[in-house]
Amino acid sequence: MSTAVDDDLWSAVGDPTRRRMLDLLLAEGDGTATSLSAQLPVTRQAIAKHLGVLDRVGLVHATPAGRERRYRVDEAQLARAVAQLSSVGATWDARLRRIKRIAETIARSKDQRDTRQ
């Protein structure tokens, strides 16, 4: 799988507060800045800013609800993020396997030189 990595998406997900907000929204189905701030050690204004970042990258979508906005996770965009993470993980796994093979080859060569001496 070759999925292009979206730096803006990963920058948004890279923040621990935003990850926790996504967890809460997924667990509860949706939420407002007020409801999220009641569950996190962050002000409502900070939550609103974090939600704006998540909205810009498409991870959440807002719908008006009276004087507030209700946020819900965009599951398609979240699936895209998961696919990117899997792709990056697979790439690193392949790199580590290559490094291991190189290290084993070097170790075998050293062992063969040592036994000849």
C-alpha atoms as a PDB file:
ATOM      1  CA  MET A   1       0.000   0.000   0.000  1.00  0.00           C
ATOM      2  CA  SER A   2       1.433   3.377  -0.965  1.00  0.00           C
ATOM      3  CA  THR A   3      -0.497   6.088   0.823  1.00  0.00           C
ATOM      4  CA  ALA A   4       0.839   9.637   0.657  1.00  0.00           C
ATOM      5  CA  VAL A   5       1.400  11.111   4.099  1.00  0.00           C
ATOM      6  CA  ASP A   6      -0.577  14.272   4.809  1.00  0.00           C
ATOM      7  CA  ASP A   7       1.680  16.449   6.981  1.00  0.00           C
ATOM      8  CA  ASP A   8      -1.177  18.749   8.071  1.00  0.00           C
ATOM      9  CA  LEU A   9      -3.226  15.750   9.171  1.00  0.00           C
ATOM     10  CA  TRP A  10      -0.339  14.292  11.167  1.00  0.00           C
ATOM     11  CA  SER A  11       0.520  17.649  12.660  1.00  0.00           C
ATOM     12  CA  ALA A  12      -3.071  17.879  13.905  1.00  0.00           C
ATOM     13  CA  VAL A  13      -3.049  14.322  15.278  1.00  0.00           C
ATOM     14  CA  GLY A  14       0.402  14.802  16.779  1.00  0.00           C
ATOM     15  CA  ASP A  15      -0.962  16.879  19.644  1.00  0.00           C
ATOM     16  CA  PRO A  16      -1.886  14.779  22.717  1.00  0.00           C
ATOM     17  CA  THR A  17      -4.851  17.005  23.625  1.00  0.00           C
ATOM     18  CA  ARG A  18      -6.321  16.646  20.147  1.00  0.00           C
ATOM     19  CA  ARG A  19      -5.840  12.856  20.262  1.00  0.00           C
ATOM     20  CA  ARG A  20      -7.664  12.747  23.594  1.00  0.00           C
ATOM     21  CA  MET A  21     -10.444  14.898  22.117  1.00  0.00           C
ATOM     22  CA  LEU A  22     -10.801  12.481  19.204  1.00  0.00           C
ATOM     23  CA  ASP A  23     -10.977   9.582  21.690  1.00  0.00           C
ATOM     24  CA  LEU A  24     -13.755  11.326  23.607  1.00  0.00           C
ATOM     25  CA  LEU A  25     -15.694  12.212  20.456  1.00  0.00           C
ATOM     26  CA  LEU A  26     -15.429   8.635  19.206  1.00  0.00           C
ATOM     27  CA  ALA A  27     -16.552   7.235  22.560  1.00  0.00           C
ATOM     28  CA  GLU A  28     -19.468   9.627  22.930  1.00  0.00           C
ATOM     29  CA  GLY A  29     -20.485  10.026  19.300  1.00  0.00           C
ATOM     30  CA  ASP A  30     -20.197  13.811  19.340  1.00  0.00           C
ATOM     31  CA  GLY A  31     -19.531  16.743  21.639  1.00  0.00           C
ATOM     32  CA  THR A  32     -19.209  20.469  22.045  1.00  0.00           C
ATOM     33  CA  ALA A  33     -16.294  22.593  23.166  1.00  0.00           C
ATOM     34  CA  THR A  34     -18.059  22.940  26.516  1.00  0.00           C
ATOM     35  CA  SER A  35     -18.642  19.209  26.990  1.00  0.00           C
ATOM     36  CA  LEU A  36     -15.052  18.402  26.012  1.00  0.00           C
ATOM     37  CA  SER A  37     -13.578  21.069  28.294  1.00  0.00           C
ATOM     38  CA  ALA A  38     -15.466  19.499  31.209  1.00  0.00           C
ATOM     39  CA  GLN A  39     -13.509  16.275  30.608  1.00  0.00           C
ATOM     40  CA  LEU A  40     -10.079  17.710  29.853  1.00  0.00           C
ATOM     41  CA  PRO A  41      -7.698  19.942  31.820  1.00  0.00           C
ATOM     42  CA  VAL A  42      -7.950  22.617  29.125  1.00  0.00           C
ATOM     43  CA  THR A  43     -10.073  25.762  28.836  1.00  0.00           C
ATOM     44  CA  ARG A  44     -13.103  25.875  26.581  1.00  0.00           C
ATOM     45  CA  GLN A  45     -11.313  28.447  24.411  1.00  0.00           C
ATOM     46  CA  ALA A  46      -8.320  26.132  23.971  1.00  0.00           C
ATOM     47  CA  ILE A  47     -10.663  23.259  23.126  1.00  0.00           C
ATOM     48  CA  ALA A  48     -12.364  25.450  20.505  1.00  0.00           C
ATOM     49  CA  LYS A  49      -8.978  26.203  18.918  1.00  0.00           C
ATOM     50  CA  HIS A  50      -8.038  22.506  18.892  1.00  0.00           C
ATOM     51  CA  LEU A  51     -11.407  21.664  17.321  1.00  0.00           C
ATOM     52  CA  GLY A  52     -10.704  24.282  14.646  1.00  0.00           C
ATOM     53  CA  VAL A  53      -7.441  22.514  13.779  1.00  0.00           C
ATOM     54  CA  LEU A  54      -9.168  19.135  13.631  1.00  0.00           C
ATOM     55  CA  ASP A  55     -11.926  20.643  11.480  1.00  0.00           C
ATOM     56  CA  ARG A  56      -9.442  22.197   9.028  1.00  0.00           C
ATOM     57  CA  VAL A  57      -7.858  18.806   8.356  1.00  0.00           C
ATOM     58  CA  GLY A  58     -11.255  17.149   8.067  1.00  0.00           C
ATOM     59  CA  LEU A  59     -11.047  14.891  11.121  1.00  0.00           C
ATOM     60  CA  VAL A  60     -14.151  16.461  12.661  1.00  0.00           C
ATOM     61  CA  HIS A  61     -17.176  18.256  11.290  1.00  0.00           C
ATOM     62  CA  ALA A  62     -19.364  20.706  13.159  1.00  0.00           C
ATOM     63  CA  THR A  63     -23.092  21.235  13.045  1.00  0.00           C
ATOM     64  CA  PRO A  64     -24.837  24.158  14.748  1.00  0.00           C
ATOM     65  CA  ALA A  65     -26.672  23.228  17.944  1.00  0.00           C
ATOM     66  CA  GLY A  66     -28.249  26.302  19.498  1.00  0.00           C
ATOM     67  CA  ARG A  67     -25.472  28.623  20.639  1.00  0.00           C
ATOM     68  CA  GLU A  68     -22.818  25.935  20.240  1.00  0.00           C
ATOM     69  CA  ARG A  69     -21.507  23.628  17.584  1.00  0.00           C
ATOM     70  CA  ARG A  70     -21.566  19.846  17.936  1.00  0.00           C
ATOM     71  CA  TYR A  71     -18.486  18.095  16.613  1.00  0.00           C
ATOM     72  CA  ARG A  72     -18.424  14.591  15.222  1.00  0.00           C
ATOM     73  CA  VAL A  73     -15.430  12.581  13.958  1.00  0.00           C
ATOM     74  CA  ASP A  74     -15.305  12.080  10.189  1.00  0.00           C
ATOM     75  CA  GLU A  75     -14.773   8.335  10.082  1.00  0.00           C
ATOM     76  CA  ALA A  76     -13.596   8.337   6.453  1.00  0.00           C
ATOM     77  CA  GLN A  77     -10.854  10.846   7.231  1.00  0.00           C
ATOM     78  CA  LEU A  78      -9.936   8.918  10.372  1.00  0.00           C
ATOM     79  CA  ALA A  79      -9.687   5.734   8.281  1.00  0.00           C
ATOM     80  CA  ARG A  80      -7.394   7.637   5.895  1.00  0.00           C
ATOM     81  CA  ALA A  81      -5.200   8.623   8.846  1.00  0.00           C
ATOM     82  CA  VAL A  82      -5.072   5.012  10.038  1.00  0.00           C
ATOM     83  CA  ALA A  83      -4.129   3.863   6.519  1.00  0.00           C
ATOM     84  CA  GLN A  84      -1.322   6.410   6.455  1.00  0.00           C
ATOM     85  CA  LEU A  85      -0.052   5.233   9.826  1.00  0.00           C
ATOM     86  CA  SER A  86      -0.145   1.613   8.670  1.00  0.00           C
ATOM     87  CA  SER A  87       1.730   2.531   5.509  1.00  0.00           C
ATOM     88  CA  VAL A  88       4.411   4.418   7.437  1.00  0.00           C
ATOM     89  CA  GLY A  89       4.681   1.507   9.895  1.00  0.00           C
ATOM     90  CA  ALA A  90       5.092  -0.990   7.047  1.00  0.00           C
ATOM     91  CA  THR A  91       7.789   1.181   5.464  1.00  0.00           C
ATOM     92  CA  TRP A  92       9.718   1.345   8.739  1.00  0.00           C
ATOM     93  CA  ASP A  93       9.317  -2.396   9.299  1.00  0.00           C
ATOM     94  CA  ALA A  94      10.854  -3.006   5.857  1.00  0.00           C
ATOM     95  CA  ARG A  95      13.730  -0.622   6.642  1.00  0.00           C
ATOM     96  CA  LEU A  96      14.408  -2.358   9.946  1.00  0.00           C
ATOM     97  CA  ARG A  97      14.419  -5.784   8.238  1.00  0.00           C
ATOM     98  CA  ARG A  98      17.008  -4.474   5.739  1.00  0.00           C
ATOM     99  CA  ILE A  99      19.150  -3.066   8.551  1.00  0.00           C
ATOM    100  CA  LYS A 100      18.945  -6.394  10.389  1.00  0.00           C
ATOM    101  CA  ARG A 101      20.031  -8.301   7.253  1.00  0.00           C
ATOM    102  CA  ILE A 102      22.970  -5.926   6.766  1.00  0.00           C
ATOM    103  CA  ALA A 103      24.007  -6.260  10.419  1.00  0.00           C
ATOM    104  CA  GLU A 104      23.765 -10.061  10.239  1.00  0.00           C
ATOM    105  CA  THR A 105      25.870 -10.109   7.055  1.00  0.00           C
ATOM    106  CA  ILE A 106      28.513  -7.926   8.719  1.00  0.00           C
ATOM    107  CA  ALA A 107      28.497 -10.159  11.823  1.00  0.00           C
ATOM    108  CA  ARG A 108      28.885 -13.324   9.700  1.00  0.00           C
ATOM    109  CA  SER A 109      31.770 -11.750   7.764  1.00  0.00           C
ATOM    110  CA  LYS A 110      33.472 -10.779  11.017  1.00  0.00           C
ATOM    111  CA  ASP A 111      32.950 -14.288  12.454  1.00  0.00           C
ATOM    112  CA  GLN A 112      34.441 -15.852   9.287  1.00  0.00           C
ATOM    113  CA  ARG A 113      37.474 -13.544   9.483  1.00  0.00           C
ATOM    114  CA  ASP A 114      37.915 -14.359  13.186  1.00  0.00           C
ATOM    115  CA  THR A 115      37.812 -18.147  12.556  1.00  0.00           C
ATOM    116  CA  ARG A 116      40.443 -17.857   9.806  1.00  0.00           C
ATOM    117  CA  GLN A 117      42.894 -16.071  12.047  1.00  0.00           C
END
